[in-house]
Amino acid sequence: MEEAGMTSADIKRFYDQHVKPLSAVDRRQLLELLQRELEIETDNHQHSILELEGLGAEIWHGIDAQMYVDHLRSEWDHRP
């Protein structure tokens, strides 16, 4: 079961007591460890543009593509 998060004051106190006294090398190692852990937790799946194929196809159902393009082109003549 996940515990409730720490307050900002709790985090500051933890930092002052446990992290700040560490050497620069140890703090850097801790930072790298936290960074790797956060990257794992927030690793977003890379999506492919191909996953969008067919999305929204239902809005074009029954519409002739050539007629649609012809209509758009006819509007060009009336634009300022």
C-alpha atoms as a PDB file:
ATOM      1  CA  MET A   1       0.000   0.000   0.000  1.00  0.00           C
ATOM      2  CA  GLU A   2       1.353   3.429  -0.942  1.00  0.00           C
ATOM      3  CA  GLU A   3       1.939   5.948   1.839  1.00  0.00           C
ATOM      4  CA  ALA A   4       0.727   9.527   1.742  1.00  0.00           C
ATOM      5  CA  GLY A   5       3.268  11.919   0.232  1.00  0.00           C
ATOM      6  CA  MET A   6       5.637  14.041   2.247  1.00  0.00           C
ATOM      7  CA  THR A   7       5.036  17.746   2.683  1.00  0.00           C
ATOM      8  CA  SER A   8       7.512  20.283   1.348  1.00  0.00           C
ATOM      9  CA  ALA A   9       8.677  20.857   4.916  1.00  0.00           C
ATOM     10  CA  ASP A  10       9.234  17.108   5.388  1.00  0.00           C
ATOM     11  CA  ILE A  11      11.260  16.928   2.185  1.00  0.00           C
ATOM     12  CA  LYS A  12      13.364  19.950   3.203  1.00  0.00           C
ATOM     13  CA  ARG A  13      13.993  18.433   6.624  1.00  0.00           C
ATOM     14  CA  PHE A  14      14.940  15.081   5.060  1.00  0.00           C
ATOM     15  CA  TYR A  15      17.287  16.854   2.636  1.00  0.00           C
ATOM     16  CA  ASP A  16      18.938  18.867   5.408  1.00  0.00           C
ATOM     17  CA  GLN A  17      19.393  15.816   7.650  1.00  0.00           C
ATOM     18  CA  HIS A  18      20.298  13.103   5.162  1.00  0.00           C
ATOM     19  CA  VAL A  19      21.277  14.468   1.769  1.00  0.00           C
ATOM     20  CA  LYS A  20      23.055  17.753   2.430  1.00  0.00           C
ATOM     21  CA  PRO A  21      25.732  16.137   4.628  1.00  0.00           C
ATOM     22  CA  LEU A  22      26.721  13.761   1.796  1.00  0.00           C
ATOM     23  CA  SER A  23      29.770  14.469  -0.306  1.00  0.00           C
ATOM     24  CA  ALA A  24      29.274  15.936  -3.768  1.00  0.00           C
ATOM     25  CA  VAL A  25      30.107  12.543  -5.291  1.00  0.00           C
ATOM     26  CA  ASP A  26      27.513  10.771  -3.128  1.00  0.00           C
ATOM     27  CA  ARG A  27      24.850  13.421  -3.878  1.00  0.00           C
ATOM     28  CA  ARG A  28      25.560  13.021  -7.587  1.00  0.00           C
ATOM     29  CA  GLN A  29      25.175   9.232  -7.292  1.00  0.00           C
ATOM     30  CA  LEU A  30      21.915   9.723  -5.400  1.00  0.00           C
ATOM     31  CA  LEU A  31      20.681  12.118  -8.058  1.00  0.00           C
ATOM     32  CA  GLU A  32      21.555   9.650 -10.829  1.00  0.00           C
ATOM     33  CA  LEU A  33      19.736   6.872  -8.969  1.00  0.00           C
ATOM     34  CA  LEU A  34      16.631   9.033  -8.525  1.00  0.00           C
ATOM     35  CA  GLN A  35      16.772  10.124 -12.152  1.00  0.00           C
ATOM     36  CA  ARG A  36      16.923   6.525 -13.387  1.00  0.00           C
ATOM     37  CA  GLU A  37      14.029   5.555 -11.113  1.00  0.00           C
ATOM     38  CA  LEU A  38      11.926   8.480 -12.300  1.00  0.00           C
ATOM     39  CA  GLU A  39      12.682   7.685 -15.935  1.00  0.00           C
ATOM     40  CA  ILE A  40      11.395   4.154 -15.377  1.00  0.00           C
ATOM     41  CA  GLU A  41       8.221   5.413 -13.666  1.00  0.00           C
ATOM     42  CA  THR A  42       7.517   8.037 -16.310  1.00  0.00           C
ATOM     43  CA  ASP A  43       8.763   6.112 -19.331  1.00  0.00           C
ATOM     44  CA  ASN A  44       6.108   6.946 -21.889  1.00  0.00           C
ATOM     45  CA  HIS A  45       5.518   4.495 -24.683  1.00  0.00           C
ATOM     46  CA  GLN A  46       6.683   6.037 -27.933  1.00  0.00           C
ATOM     47  CA  HIS A  47       3.782   6.102 -30.332  1.00  0.00           C
ATOM     48  CA  SER A  48       3.904   5.740 -34.055  1.00  0.00           C
ATOM     49  CA  ILE A  49       2.027   8.088 -36.356  1.00  0.00           C
ATOM     50  CA  LEU A  50       0.668   4.915 -37.948  1.00  0.00           C
ATOM     51  CA  GLU A  51      -1.433   4.312 -34.810  1.00  0.00           C
ATOM     52  CA  LEU A  52      -3.634   7.194 -35.972  1.00  0.00           C
ATOM     53  CA  GLU A  53      -4.564   5.404 -39.179  1.00  0.00           C
ATOM     54  CA  GLY A  54      -8.335   5.278 -39.578  1.00  0.00           C
ATOM     55  CA  LEU A  55      -8.989   7.531 -36.590  1.00  0.00           C
ATOM     56  CA  GLY A  56     -12.029   9.681 -37.311  1.00  0.00           C
ATOM     57  CA  ALA A  57     -12.847   7.750 -40.469  1.00  0.00           C
ATOM     58  CA  GLU A  58     -16.524   7.729 -39.519  1.00  0.00           C
ATOM     59  CA  ILE A  59     -16.837  11.485 -40.105  1.00  0.00           C
ATOM     60  CA  TRP A  60     -15.947  10.953 -43.771  1.00  0.00           C
ATOM     61  CA  HIS A  61     -18.436   8.121 -44.262  1.00  0.00           C
ATOM     62  CA  GLY A  62     -20.596   8.806 -47.301  1.00  0.00           C
ATOM     63  CA  ILE A  63     -18.513  11.760 -48.510  1.00  0.00           C
ATOM     64  CA  ASP A  64     -16.983  11.512 -51.957  1.00  0.00           C
ATOM     65  CA  ALA A  65     -13.347  12.618 -51.696  1.00  0.00           C
ATOM     66  CA  GLN A  66     -13.196  14.150 -55.172  1.00  0.00           C
ATOM     67  CA  MET A  67     -16.416  16.122 -54.635  1.00  0.00           C
ATOM     68  CA  TYR A  68     -15.031  17.414 -51.335  1.00  0.00           C
ATOM     69  CA  VAL A  69     -11.777  18.541 -52.942  1.00  0.00           C
ATOM     70  CA  ASP A  70     -13.666  20.151 -55.832  1.00  0.00           C
ATOM     71  CA  HIS A  71     -15.828  22.057 -53.332  1.00  0.00           C
ATOM     72  CA  LEU A  72     -12.742  23.341 -51.473  1.00  0.00           C
ATOM     73  CA  ARG A  73     -11.132  24.437 -54.720  1.00  0.00           C
ATOM     74  CA  SER A  74     -14.277  26.292 -55.778  1.00  0.00           C
ATOM     75  CA  GLU A  75     -14.136  28.254 -52.500  1.00  0.00           C
ATOM     76  CA  TRP A  76     -10.666  29.513 -53.425  1.00  0.00           C
ATOM     77  CA  ASP A  77     -12.157  31.655 -56.152  1.00  0.00           C
ATOM     78  CA  HIS A  78     -14.323  33.507 -53.614  1.00  0.00           C
ATOM     79  CA  ARG A  79     -11.665  34.202 -50.995  1.00  0.00           C
ATOM     80  CA  PRO A  80     -10.286  37.748 -50.640  1.00  0.00           C
END
